[in-house]
């Protein structure tokens, strides 16, 4: 099956090395009979490309990663009837990108000088220059601005002429100073060899501890401070992601070329990552600026439509803000970040009322959704504000954390960013019956189901992986890489086979198509969801207190074509 035949077909979600060590291992797994007709799409996370940080979300370029995939793997997925969803990251690219490296090399002469956002040019006339060479914006202009990290989002970039030029940097940034080599000091600074060896010994330990040049203690070699610091700064390295200047024609060309490359890889849907950060204006929130963000999306759609690509804008915002509704009104599919929390809530309160209300809203407003249980990030709970009372959200957080989950708030501020990192199986108390019912609920809710590979295999919280990753590694709790043998062994588990059976039903039953009539009913702890069209009916009857359900599909004549009772 493929996306053109079934726009609502089931979509796998994984890294290229989530199973085995390369994408070819996942392709081999999907060839097994257990996966026949289970998936029509595969959202491959962007580490499949040439990337450096953030498990793929720091793009160097859109060439395939030589260590993880090649075109044969993509062709094999296409032969299996599976098309692709891939990421286009609108807001930023890696400092290792050809564009940034050209600017480092050529400075003002680089055609990519304004491919990125010069901080001082952006804020010109709206602040005062600091002794460090960057503009401190006026309080009035910056008061309402949203930042993803503490401090101003800028990085000082050293040009070939020695100038330090500040550039906008929303996400990760780091300067790296490399160990001193005595022979390089002799060559570059004209020091004696013995002095160069002593300098290297004096300073390299401090550099390894993360000290910047200005913080170094030179001891008896103080006379070399100025020359050595200048050498270190001239040869420093960068690590991180630089924001793109969406007002530059070169950036729009970059977007257009990238979309074409993704289409050629076999993508039919393109997920727009970090799109809400891309548009920036003085004195604005600079997250989902209006109307500029919508104008940018329309520009992207004009590029994507001739390529046959569907755009899926990715954004976390509370239900109360209504961003999901505005996206839907403008014709875009919406990530259903409400469903994961609503299903956990339904189990906790033993009621399907909130699921019913949300499902009926999707249907009545004609919202096209991509839904999920778990994903590569955490379980989103910020999004539920306005849909659930605050005390209920806190109760959900406490429940998931009590089952081994981890809360990472936005740059350390409590009650700001409710995202709980956990596998969905662990978030449900590691009860197989609950996981299977949660999957059935997801598959019967309106939309295109996206399935995180680790949920399928009933993966548990991986605290050891989280510890290995160190500070900032909280997301690894739900990213356990499985060997191909481990994945094949998991296919013997009943909860895995039952999920596959439900997903195959969802992927192949002709009732689950756009235009079907979808209805909901609740009574006490019971929830019913029914799909109906000319091809027949599909019905789910679930008891959220008992954790039981019956799923049945019937053809147009009433003949039963699928049944599962658990």
Protein backbone atom coordinates (compact mmCIF):
# COMPACT_ATOMS: atom_id res chain seq x y z
CA UNK A 1 0.00 0.00 0.00
CA UNK A 2 1.12 3.60 -0.41
CA UNK A 3 0.18 7.10 0.57
CA UNK A 4 -1.64 7.89 -2.69
CA UNK A 5 -4.00 4.95 -2.21
CA UNK A 6 -4.52 5.46 1.51
CA UNK A 7 -3.74 8.92 2.90
CA UNK A 8 -4.72 7.69 6.37
CA UNK A 9 -2.46 4.63 6.31
CA UNK A 10 -0.29 3.78 9.31
CA UNK A 11 3.11 5.46 9.55
CA UNK A 12 6.17 4.02 11.28
CA UNK A 13 8.41 6.49 13.15
CA UNK A 14 12.05 5.66 13.91
CA UNK A 15 15.68 6.67 13.48
CA UNK A 16 17.52 4.95 10.64
CA UNK A 17 19.46 2.96 13.26
CA UNK A 18 16.64 2.35 15.77
CA UNK A 19 16.75 -1.31 14.76
CA UNK A 20 20.16 -2.68 13.87
CA UNK A 21 22.92 -0.32 12.84
CA UNK A 22 21.67 1.00 9.47
CA UNK A 23 18.43 1.69 7.67
CA UNK A 24 18.85 -1.54 5.72
CA UNK A 25 18.26 -3.46 8.97
CA UNK A 26 14.89 -1.79 9.50
CA UNK A 27 14.03 -2.46 5.85
CA UNK A 28 14.91 -6.11 6.40
CA UNK A 29 12.67 -6.26 9.48
CA UNK A 30 9.77 -4.76 7.54
CA UNK A 31 10.12 -7.49 4.90
CA UNK A 32 9.16 -10.12 7.46
CA UNK A 33 5.64 -11.59 7.08
CA UNK A 34 4.59 -10.16 10.46
CA UNK A 35 4.83 -6.68 8.93
CA UNK A 36 2.97 -7.43 5.72
CA UNK A 37 0.62 -4.51 4.95
CA UNK A 38 1.14 -3.00 8.41
CA UNK A 39 2.72 0.31 7.28
CA UNK A 40 2.14 2.49 4.27
CA UNK A 41 4.53 5.27 5.38
CA UNK A 42 7.75 5.68 7.33
CA UNK A 43 8.77 8.91 9.07
CA UNK A 44 12.55 8.56 9.17
CA UNK A 45 14.10 10.96 11.64
CA UNK A 46 16.73 13.33 10.16
CA UNK A 47 19.86 11.58 11.39
CA UNK A 48 19.42 9.77 8.07
CA UNK A 49 21.04 12.91 6.60
CA UNK A 50 24.47 14.47 7.05
CA UNK A 51 24.10 15.88 10.58
CA UNK A 52 26.17 16.52 13.68
CA UNK A 53 24.09 17.23 16.83
CA UNK A 54 20.70 16.67 18.44
CA UNK A 55 20.29 13.18 16.97
CA UNK A 56 19.81 14.61 13.50
CA UNK A 57 18.10 17.94 14.04
CA UNK A 58 21.29 19.86 13.30
CA UNK A 59 21.52 19.53 9.53
CA UNK A 60 24.81 19.98 7.70
CA UNK A 61 23.17 19.14 4.39
CA UNK A 62 20.51 16.80 3.02
CA UNK A 63 22.89 14.20 1.62
CA UNK A 64 22.30 10.75 3.09
CA UNK A 65 24.50 9.77 6.02
CA UNK A 66 27.14 7.38 4.69
CA UNK A 67 27.18 5.53 8.01
CA UNK A 68 23.41 5.03 8.25
CA UNK A 69 21.76 4.78 4.82
CA UNK A 70 22.05 4.81 1.06
CA UNK A 71 19.66 5.07 -1.87
CA UNK A 72 19.25 1.31 -2.07
CA UNK A 73 17.58 1.34 1.35
CA UNK A 74 15.11 4.00 0.23
CA UNK A 75 14.42 2.08 -2.97
CA UNK A 76 13.80 -1.08 -0.94
CA UNK A 77 11.20 0.73 1.19
CA UNK A 78 9.52 1.97 -1.97
CA UNK A 79 9.41 -1.60 -3.33
CA UNK A 80 7.61 -2.58 -0.13
CA UNK A 81 4.93 0.03 -0.89
CA UNK A 82 6.17 2.38 1.84
CA UNK A 83 6.62 6.06 1.13
CA UNK A 84 8.45 8.48 3.36
CA UNK A 85 7.95 11.42 5.65
CA UNK A 86 11.09 13.50 6.14
CA UNK A 87 12.07 16.69 7.93
CA UNK A 88 12.83 20.12 6.54
CA UNK A 89 14.23 22.24 9.36
CA UNK A 90 13.25 25.82 8.61
CA UNK A 91 14.85 27.78 11.43
CA UNK A 92 18.49 26.72 11.41
CA UNK A 93 21.33 24.65 10.01
CA UNK A 94 24.60 23.42 11.49
CA UNK A 95 27.73 25.52 11.80
CA UNK A 96 29.35 22.75 9.72
CA UNK A 97 27.07 23.58 6.79
CA UNK A 98 28.82 24.68 3.58
CA UNK A 99 27.12 28.07 3.85
CA UNK A 100 28.42 28.86 7.35
CA UNK A 101 31.86 27.50 6.60
CA UNK A 102 32.07 29.72 3.52
CA UNK A 103 31.20 32.73 5.66
CA UNK A 104 33.91 31.81 8.18
CA UNK A 105 36.43 31.59 5.35
CA UNK A 106 35.44 34.64 3.32
CA UNK A 107 33.66 36.95 5.77
CA UNK A 108 32.10 39.98 4.09
CA UNK A 109 33.02 38.57 0.67
CA UNK A 110 30.92 35.44 1.20
CA UNK A 111 27.63 35.25 -0.71
CA UNK A 112 26.25 33.72 2.51
CA UNK A 113 27.05 36.80 4.63
CA UNK A 114 23.28 37.42 5.03
CA UNK A 115 22.18 33.78 4.75
CA UNK A 116 22.27 33.96 8.54
CA UNK A 117 20.95 36.75 10.81
CA UNK A 118 23.52 39.37 11.74
CA UNK A 119 22.44 40.32 15.28
CA UNK A 120 23.65 43.91 15.07
CA UNK A 121 22.02 44.55 11.70
CA UNK A 122 18.77 43.10 13.02
CA UNK A 123 18.75 45.32 16.12
CA UNK A 124 20.22 48.46 14.52
CA UNK A 125 18.47 51.51 15.96
CA UNK A 126 16.83 49.47 18.73
CA UNK A 127 19.54 49.19 21.36
CA UNK A 128 23.02 50.18 22.47
CA UNK A 129 26.35 48.67 21.48
CA UNK A 130 28.13 46.86 24.31
CA UNK A 131 31.91 46.80 24.85
CA UNK A 132 31.80 43.20 23.65
CA UNK A 133 30.65 44.29 20.22
CA UNK A 134 26.99 43.28 20.22
CA UNK A 135 23.85 45.37 20.60
CA UNK A 136 21.88 45.08 23.83
CA UNK A 137 18.27 45.50 22.64
CA UNK A 138 16.03 48.07 24.31
CA UNK A 139 13.86 46.65 27.07
CA UNK A 140 10.71 47.63 25.22
CA UNK A 141 11.82 45.74 22.11
CA UNK A 142 12.81 42.55 23.89
CA UNK A 143 10.36 42.33 26.80
CA UNK A 144 7.87 40.02 25.13
CA UNK A 145 10.38 37.86 23.28
CA UNK A 146 10.34 34.09 23.74
CA UNK A 147 13.72 32.42 24.25
CA UNK A 148 14.47 28.70 24.23
CA UNK A 149 17.50 29.15 26.51
CA UNK A 150 18.79 31.52 29.14
CA UNK A 151 20.49 34.69 27.94
CA UNK A 152 20.41 36.36 24.55
CA UNK A 153 20.35 34.01 21.54
CA UNK A 154 23.57 35.12 19.89
CA UNK A 155 26.94 33.67 18.96
CA UNK A 156 30.07 35.73 18.24
CA UNK A 157 31.52 34.65 14.90
CA UNK A 158 35.12 35.52 14.05
CA UNK A 159 35.60 36.82 10.51
CA UNK A 160 38.88 36.37 8.59
CA UNK A 161 39.91 39.98 9.34
CA UNK A 162 39.68 39.28 13.10
CA UNK A 163 36.35 41.05 13.69
CA UNK A 164 33.82 39.40 16.02
CA UNK A 165 30.36 39.53 14.41
CA UNK A 166 27.30 38.47 16.47
CA UNK A 167 24.79 36.16 14.80
CA UNK A 168 21.35 34.99 15.91
CA UNK A 169 21.42 31.54 17.50
CA UNK A 170 18.13 30.24 18.96
CA UNK A 171 19.18 26.75 19.94
CA UNK A 172 22.54 25.14 20.71
CA UNK A 173 25.83 27.02 20.66
CA UNK A 174 29.36 26.20 21.77
CA UNK A 175 32.86 27.51 21.06
CA UNK A 176 35.66 24.98 21.15
CA UNK A 177 39.33 25.72 21.70
CA UNK A 178 41.70 23.01 20.58
CA UNK A 179 44.86 21.79 22.38
CA UNK A 180 47.97 23.74 21.55
CA UNK A 181 50.59 22.00 19.43
CA UNK A 182 54.18 23.18 20.14
CA UNK A 183 55.19 23.02 16.49
CA UNK A 184 52.21 25.18 15.50
CA UNK A 185 53.16 27.76 18.15
CA UNK A 186 56.70 27.89 16.82
CA UNK A 187 55.45 28.33 13.28
CA UNK A 188 52.61 30.78 13.97
CA UNK A 189 53.98 32.81 16.88
CA UNK A 190 57.74 32.52 16.43
CA UNK A 191 58.29 31.21 19.96
CA UNK A 192 61.22 29.03 20.87
CA UNK A 193 60.48 25.33 20.80
CA UNK A 194 61.12 24.87 24.51
CA UNK A 195 58.84 27.79 25.37
CA UNK A 196 56.18 26.38 23.05
CA UNK A 197 56.31 23.02 24.85
CA UNK A 198 56.05 24.73 28.24
CA UNK A 199 53.13 26.88 27.06
CA UNK A 200 51.27 23.86 25.76
CA UNK A 201 51.81 22.02 29.03
CA UNK A 202 50.68 25.06 31.04
CA UNK A 203 47.50 25.70 29.05
CA UNK A 204 46.17 22.46 27.53
CA UNK A 205 44.85 21.10 30.82
CA UNK A 206 42.91 24.31 31.36
CA UNK A 207 41.51 24.20 27.83
CA UNK A 208 40.40 20.62 28.42
CA UNK A 209 38.47 21.86 31.47
CA UNK A 210 36.52 24.23 29.23
CA UNK A 211 38.26 27.50 30.02
CA UNK A 212 38.02 30.25 27.42
CA UNK A 213 41.25 32.03 26.35
CA UNK A 214 40.54 35.04 28.55
CA UNK A 215 40.24 32.77 31.59
CA UNK A 216 43.58 30.99 31.15
CA UNK A 217 46.33 31.28 33.74
CA UNK A 218 49.68 31.68 31.96
CA UNK A 219 51.91 31.59 35.04
CA UNK A 220 55.53 32.36 34.07
CA UNK A 221 54.53 32.72 30.40
CA UNK A 222 52.30 35.78 30.88
CA UNK A 223 54.22 37.71 28.22
CA UNK A 224 52.76 35.37 25.59
CA UNK A 225 49.13 35.92 26.67
CA UNK A 226 48.08 38.33 23.92
CA UNK A 227 49.66 36.34 21.09
CA UNK A 228 48.43 32.94 22.33
CA UNK A 229 44.88 34.19 23.00
CA UNK A 230 44.74 35.70 19.52
CA UNK A 231 45.98 32.39 18.07
CA UNK A 232 43.35 30.39 20.00
CA UNK A 233 40.53 32.69 18.89
CA UNK A 234 41.66 32.62 15.26
CA UNK A 235 41.68 28.80 15.29
CA UNK A 236 38.61 28.14 17.42
CA UNK A 237 35.90 25.77 16.34
CA UNK A 238 32.13 26.11 16.49
CA UNK A 239 29.46 23.62 17.43
CA UNK A 240 25.79 24.36 17.16
CA UNK A 241 23.06 25.61 14.88
CA UNK A 242 22.75 29.01 13.21
CA UNK A 243 19.39 30.64 12.52
CA UNK A 244 18.55 31.24 8.87
CA UNK A 245 17.53 34.61 7.49
CA UNK A 246 14.19 33.78 5.85
CA UNK A 247 14.22 37.20 4.16
CA UNK A 248 17.22 36.16 2.07
CA UNK A 249 16.47 34.88 -1.47
CA UNK A 250 19.33 32.40 -0.99
CA UNK A 251 17.52 30.83 1.97
CA UNK A 252 14.36 30.44 -0.08
CA UNK A 253 16.44 28.81 -2.82
CA UNK A 254 17.88 26.49 -0.17
CA UNK A 255 14.37 25.51 0.95
CA UNK A 256 13.29 24.87 -2.65
CA UNK A 257 16.34 22.71 -3.42
CA UNK A 258 15.90 20.78 -0.17
CA UNK A 259 12.23 20.02 -0.88
CA UNK A 260 13.16 18.71 -4.30
CA UNK A 261 15.83 16.46 -2.82
CA UNK A 262 13.38 15.08 -0.25
CA UNK A 263 10.83 14.39 -2.97
CA UNK A 264 13.47 12.53 -4.94
CA UNK A 265 14.25 10.38 -1.90
CA UNK A 266 10.62 9.22 -1.91
CA UNK A 267 9.07 11.66 0.56
CA UNK A 268 5.37 12.38 0.16
CA UNK A 269 5.01 14.31 3.41
CA UNK A 270 7.53 16.85 4.76
CA UNK A 271 7.50 17.71 8.43
CA UNK A 272 8.40 21.36 8.98
CA UNK A 273 10.51 21.38 12.13
CA UNK A 274 10.98 24.58 14.18
CA UNK A 275 8.98 26.61 11.64
CA UNK A 276 7.45 28.82 14.34
CA UNK A 277 10.89 30.23 15.25
CA UNK A 278 11.90 31.13 11.70
CA UNK A 279 10.20 34.51 11.31
CA UNK A 280 11.78 37.24 13.44
CA UNK A 281 10.83 40.90 13.85
CA UNK A 282 11.99 43.64 16.25
CA UNK A 283 9.70 44.04 19.26
CA UNK A 284 7.77 40.83 18.60
CA UNK A 285 7.34 37.51 20.42
CA UNK A 286 9.47 35.86 17.72
CA UNK A 287 7.63 32.60 18.10
CA UNK A 288 4.79 32.20 15.61
CA UNK A 289 4.90 35.85 14.58
CA UNK A 290 1.76 36.81 12.71
CA UNK A 291 1.23 37.25 9.84
CA UNK A 292 4.86 36.56 8.88
CA UNK A 293 4.83 32.90 9.95
CA UNK A 294 1.71 32.22 7.88
CA UNK A 295 3.27 34.05 4.93
CA UNK A 296 6.34 31.82 5.18
CA UNK A 297 4.18 28.69 5.33
CA UNK A 298 2.29 29.83 2.24
CA UNK A 299 5.60 30.37 0.44
CA UNK A 300 6.66 26.84 1.42
CA UNK A 301 3.35 25.44 0.22
CA UNK A 302 3.80 27.14 -3.15
CA UNK A 303 7.14 25.32 -3.42
CA UNK A 304 5.78 21.97 -2.19
CA UNK A 305 2.55 21.69 -4.20
CA UNK A 306 4.18 21.25 -7.64
CA UNK A 307 6.37 18.53 -6.11
CA UNK A 308 3.35 16.61 -4.81
CA UNK A 309 4.42 17.11 -1.21
CA UNK A 310 2.14 17.54 1.80
CA UNK A 311 3.55 19.85 4.47
CA UNK A 312 3.13 18.95 8.15
CA UNK A 313 4.01 21.96 10.35
CA UNK A 314 5.30 20.82 13.76
CA UNK A 315 4.53 23.05 16.73
CA UNK A 316 3.89 22.66 20.45
CA UNK A 317 1.34 25.14 21.73
CA UNK A 318 -1.45 24.90 24.26
CA UNK A 319 -4.96 23.99 23.19
CA UNK A 320 -6.12 27.33 24.62
CA UNK A 321 -3.96 29.23 22.12
CA UNK A 322 -5.83 27.63 19.22
CA UNK A 323 -2.77 27.28 16.98
CA UNK A 324 -3.89 23.81 15.90
CA UNK A 325 -7.20 25.30 14.69
CA UNK A 326 -5.52 28.09 12.73
CA UNK A 327 -3.23 25.56 11.01
CA UNK A 328 -6.25 23.44 10.11
CA UNK A 329 -8.21 26.43 8.84
CA UNK A 330 -5.33 27.28 6.52
CA UNK A 331 -5.44 23.79 5.05
CA UNK A 332 -2.51 22.12 6.82
CA UNK A 333 -2.61 18.76 8.62
CA UNK A 334 -2.08 19.08 12.37
CA UNK A 335 0.07 17.05 14.73
CA UNK A 336 -2.32 15.73 17.38
CA UNK A 337 -0.13 16.38 20.41
CA UNK A 338 -3.25 16.28 22.62
CA UNK A 339 -4.02 12.58 22.13
CA UNK A 340 -1.09 11.01 24.09
CA UNK A 341 -2.01 12.87 27.28
CA UNK A 342 -5.75 12.46 26.77
CA UNK A 343 -5.42 8.67 26.57
CA UNK A 344 -3.39 8.53 29.79
CA UNK A 345 -5.96 10.83 31.37
CA UNK A 346 -8.77 8.54 30.20
CA UNK A 347 -7.15 5.61 32.00
CA UNK A 348 -6.58 7.67 35.13
CA UNK A 349 -10.14 8.98 35.37
CA UNK A 350 -11.66 5.78 33.83
CA UNK A 351 -13.70 7.86 31.44
CA UNK A 352 -13.65 8.53 27.73
CA UNK A 353 -15.50 11.84 27.89
CA UNK A 354 -12.49 14.01 27.04
CA UNK A 355 -11.42 11.69 24.22
CA UNK A 356 -14.94 11.84 22.86
CA UNK A 357 -15.02 15.64 23.04
CA UNK A 358 -11.68 15.95 21.24
CA UNK A 359 -12.64 13.39 18.60
CA UNK A 360 -15.92 15.14 17.90
CA UNK A 361 -14.10 18.46 17.54
CA UNK A 362 -11.70 16.94 14.99
CA UNK A 363 -14.65 15.62 12.99
CA UNK A 364 -16.89 18.69 13.24
CA UNK A 365 -14.12 21.11 12.26
CA UNK A 366 -12.73 18.89 9.52
CA UNK A 367 -9.24 18.83 11.04
CA UNK A 368 -6.72 16.54 9.36
CA UNK A 369 -4.42 15.09 12.01
CA UNK A 370 -1.34 12.94 12.39
CA UNK A 371 -1.70 11.31 15.81
CA UNK A 372 0.59 9.27 18.03
CA UNK A 373 1.22 7.74 21.43
CA UNK A 374 4.98 8.16 21.89
CA UNK A 375 7.63 9.78 19.72
CA UNK A 376 11.34 10.71 19.70
CA UNK A 377 10.61 13.58 22.10
CA UNK A 378 8.68 13.38 25.34
CA UNK A 379 4.99 12.92 26.00
CA UNK A 380 3.56 16.43 25.41
CA UNK A 381 1.50 17.79 28.29
CA UNK A 382 1.98 21.54 27.79
CA UNK A 383 -0.40 21.22 24.87
CA UNK A 384 -3.28 20.12 27.12
CA UNK A 385 -3.63 23.52 28.79
CA UNK A 386 -7.12 24.76 28.11
CA UNK A 387 -8.33 21.28 27.29
CA UNK A 388 -7.74 19.83 30.76
CA UNK A 389 -7.74 21.71 34.08
CA UNK A 390 -4.29 22.59 35.41
CA UNK A 391 -4.67 20.26 38.39
CA UNK A 392 -5.39 17.36 36.05
CA UNK A 393 -2.25 18.09 34.03
CA UNK A 394 -0.23 18.12 37.26
CA UNK A 395 -1.84 14.82 38.20
CA UNK A 396 -0.79 13.30 34.86
CA UNK A 397 2.77 14.54 35.30
CA UNK A 398 2.92 13.05 38.79
CA UNK A 399 1.58 9.73 37.52
CA UNK A 400 4.09 9.42 34.67
CA UNK A 401 7.01 10.61 36.81
CA UNK A 402 5.93 8.14 39.51
CA UNK A 403 6.30 5.40 36.89
CA UNK A 404 9.89 6.38 36.15
CA UNK A 405 9.41 9.30 33.75
CA UNK A 406 11.52 12.44 33.74
CA UNK A 407 10.37 16.06 33.52
CA UNK A 408 12.57 18.56 31.69
CA UNK A 409 11.23 22.09 32.07
CA UNK A 410 12.14 24.86 29.65
CA UNK A 411 15.58 26.25 30.64
CA UNK A 412 15.04 25.26 34.28
CA UNK A 413 11.77 27.09 34.91
CA UNK A 414 9.14 24.95 36.58
CA UNK A 415 5.59 24.88 35.21
CA UNK A 416 6.76 26.33 31.90
CA UNK A 417 7.31 23.36 29.63
CA UNK A 418 5.43 20.22 30.52
CA UNK A 419 7.11 17.49 28.53
CA UNK A 420 7.55 14.18 30.30
CA UNK A 421 10.22 11.89 28.94
CA UNK A 422 9.15 8.26 29.17
CA UNK A 423 8.25 5.36 26.95
CA UNK A 424 4.51 5.16 26.51
CA UNK A 425 4.48 1.63 27.87
CA UNK A 426 6.15 2.77 31.09
CA UNK A 427 3.87 5.82 31.26
CA UNK A 428 0.94 3.38 31.33
CA UNK A 429 2.45 1.46 34.23
CA UNK A 430 3.96 -1.23 31.95
CA UNK A 431 0.62 -3.01 31.68
CA UNK A 432 0.38 -4.80 28.35
CA UNK A 433 -3.43 -4.65 28.32
CA UNK A 434 -3.34 -0.88 28.69
CA UNK A 435 -0.80 -0.51 25.89
CA UNK A 436 -2.90 -2.60 23.53
CA UNK A 437 -6.05 -0.64 24.39
CA UNK A 438 -4.16 2.64 23.98
CA UNK A 439 -3.09 1.49 20.52
CA UNK A 440 -6.67 0.54 19.63
CA UNK A 441 -7.88 3.97 20.76
CA UNK A 442 -5.22 5.69 18.68
CA UNK A 443 -6.06 3.66 15.57
CA UNK A 444 -9.78 4.40 15.84
CA UNK A 445 -9.35 8.12 16.49
CA UNK A 446 -9.55 10.35 13.38
CA UNK A 447 -6.32 10.97 11.54
CA UNK A 448 -3.21 9.28 10.22
CA UNK A 449 -1.64 7.09 12.97
CA UNK A 450 2.09 7.48 13.60
CA UNK A 451 3.71 4.61 15.54
CA UNK A 452 6.96 5.03 17.47
CA UNK A 453 9.01 1.85 17.00
CA UNK A 454 9.74 1.44 20.73
CA UNK A 455 6.03 1.61 21.62
CA UNK A 456 5.39 -1.20 19.17
CA UNK A 457 7.92 -3.38 20.98
CA UNK A 458 6.60 -2.39 24.44
CA UNK A 459 9.87 -0.69 25.33
CA UNK A 460 10.51 0.31 28.93
CA UNK A 461 12.17 3.44 30.31
CA UNK A 462 15.90 3.25 29.59
CA UNK A 463 17.41 5.04 32.58
CA UNK A 464 20.86 3.65 31.83
CA UNK A 465 20.87 5.25 28.36
CA UNK A 466 19.76 8.49 29.96
CA UNK A 467 22.66 8.34 32.44
CA UNK A 468 25.16 7.52 29.70
CA UNK A 469 24.03 10.56 27.72
CA UNK A 470 24.82 12.85 30.65
CA UNK A 471 23.34 16.34 31.16
CA UNK A 472 20.66 17.05 28.60
CA UNK A 473 20.33 13.36 27.72
CA UNK A 474 16.87 12.91 29.20
CA UNK A 475 15.27 12.06 25.84
CA UNK A 476 17.39 8.91 25.55
CA UNK A 477 15.01 7.29 28.03
CA UNK A 478 12.74 6.56 25.05
CA UNK A 479 15.27 5.99 22.25
CA UNK A 480 16.69 2.56 22.98
CA UNK A 481 18.37 1.11 19.91
CA UNK A 482 17.41 -2.51 19.33
CA UNK A 483 19.51 -5.04 17.52
CA UNK A 484 17.80 -6.79 14.63
CA UNK A 485 17.84 -9.98 16.71
CA UNK A 486 16.14 -8.22 19.65
CA UNK A 487 13.42 -6.85 17.37
CA UNK A 488 12.84 -10.26 15.81
CA UNK A 489 12.68 -11.88 19.25
CA UNK A 490 10.10 -9.29 20.35
CA UNK A 491 7.85 -10.46 17.51
CA UNK A 492 7.06 -13.50 19.65
CA UNK A 493 5.32 -11.35 22.28
CA UNK A 494 1.54 -11.32 22.24
CA UNK A 495 1.30 -7.56 22.84
CA UNK A 496 3.50 -6.93 19.79
CA UNK A 497 1.62 -9.33 17.50
CA UNK A 498 -1.74 -7.95 18.65
CA UNK A 499 -0.62 -4.40 17.89
CA UNK A 500 0.53 -5.50 14.45
CA UNK A 501 -2.83 -7.15 13.81
CA UNK A 502 -4.68 -3.97 14.79
CA UNK A 503 -2.39 -1.83 12.66
CA UNK A 504 -2.79 -4.13 9.64
CA UNK A 505 -6.55 -3.89 10.07
CA UNK A 506 -6.32 -0.09 10.26
CA UNK A 507 -4.01 0.10 7.26
CA UNK A 508 -5.99 -2.16 4.94
CA UNK A 509 -9.65 -1.84 5.90
CA UNK A 510 -11.35 0.35 3.27
CA UNK A 511 -13.58 1.91 5.93
CA UNK A 512 -10.63 3.93 7.27
CA UNK A 513 -10.56 6.47 4.48
CA UNK A 514 -11.02 10.20 4.15
CA UNK A 515 -14.70 11.10 4.05
CA UNK A 516 -15.84 8.31 6.35
CA UNK A 517 -18.50 9.16 8.93
CA UNK A 518 -17.01 8.91 12.45
CA UNK A 519 -19.17 8.86 15.58
CA UNK A 520 -18.47 8.57 19.30
CA UNK A 521 -20.42 7.44 22.35
CA UNK A 522 -19.72 7.28 26.07
CA UNK A 523 -21.48 5.73 29.02
CA UNK A 524 -19.71 5.53 32.36
CA UNK A 525 -16.30 3.98 31.74
CA UNK A 526 -17.29 2.81 28.25
CA UNK A 527 -16.27 4.53 25.02
CA UNK A 528 -17.35 3.59 21.51
CA UNK A 529 -15.92 4.86 18.23
CA UNK A 530 -17.41 3.90 14.87
CA UNK A 531 -16.31 4.59 11.29
CA UNK A 532 -18.79 4.12 8.43
CA UNK A 533 -18.70 4.54 4.65
CA UNK A 534 -19.91 2.68 1.55
CA UNK A 535 -17.31 -0.06 2.17
CA UNK A 536 -18.75 -1.02 5.58
CA UNK A 537 -18.19 -0.24 9.25
CA UNK A 538 -15.44 -0.42 11.86
CA UNK A 539 -16.28 -0.20 15.54
CA UNK A 540 -14.34 -0.09 18.80
CA UNK A 541 -16.03 -0.70 22.14
CA UNK A 542 -13.69 -0.01 25.06
CA UNK A 543 -14.07 -0.18 28.82
CA UNK A 544 -11.52 2.15 30.41
CA UNK A 545 -12.05 0.77 33.89
CA UNK A 546 -11.64 -2.89 33.00
CA UNK A 547 -9.05 -2.20 30.29
CA UNK A 548 -10.96 -4.39 27.84
CA UNK A 549 -12.10 -3.77 24.27
CA UNK A 550 -13.64 -5.29 21.17
CA UNK A 551 -12.65 -4.13 17.69
CA UNK A 552 -14.75 -5.33 14.73
CA UNK A 553 -14.86 -4.46 11.03
CA UNK A 554 -17.66 -5.43 8.65
CA UNK A 555 -17.99 -5.17 4.89
CA UNK A 556 -20.83 -3.41 3.08
CA UNK A 557 -23.01 -6.52 3.36
CA UNK A 558 -22.46 -6.82 7.11
CA UNK A 559 -20.00 -9.67 6.88
CA UNK A 560 -17.37 -9.65 9.62
CA UNK A 561 -13.85 -9.19 8.28
CA UNK A 562 -11.89 -8.61 11.50
CA UNK A 563 -12.46 -9.13 15.20
CA UNK A 564 -10.26 -8.72 18.25
CA UNK A 565 -11.50 -9.05 21.81
CA UNK A 566 -9.15 -8.42 24.71
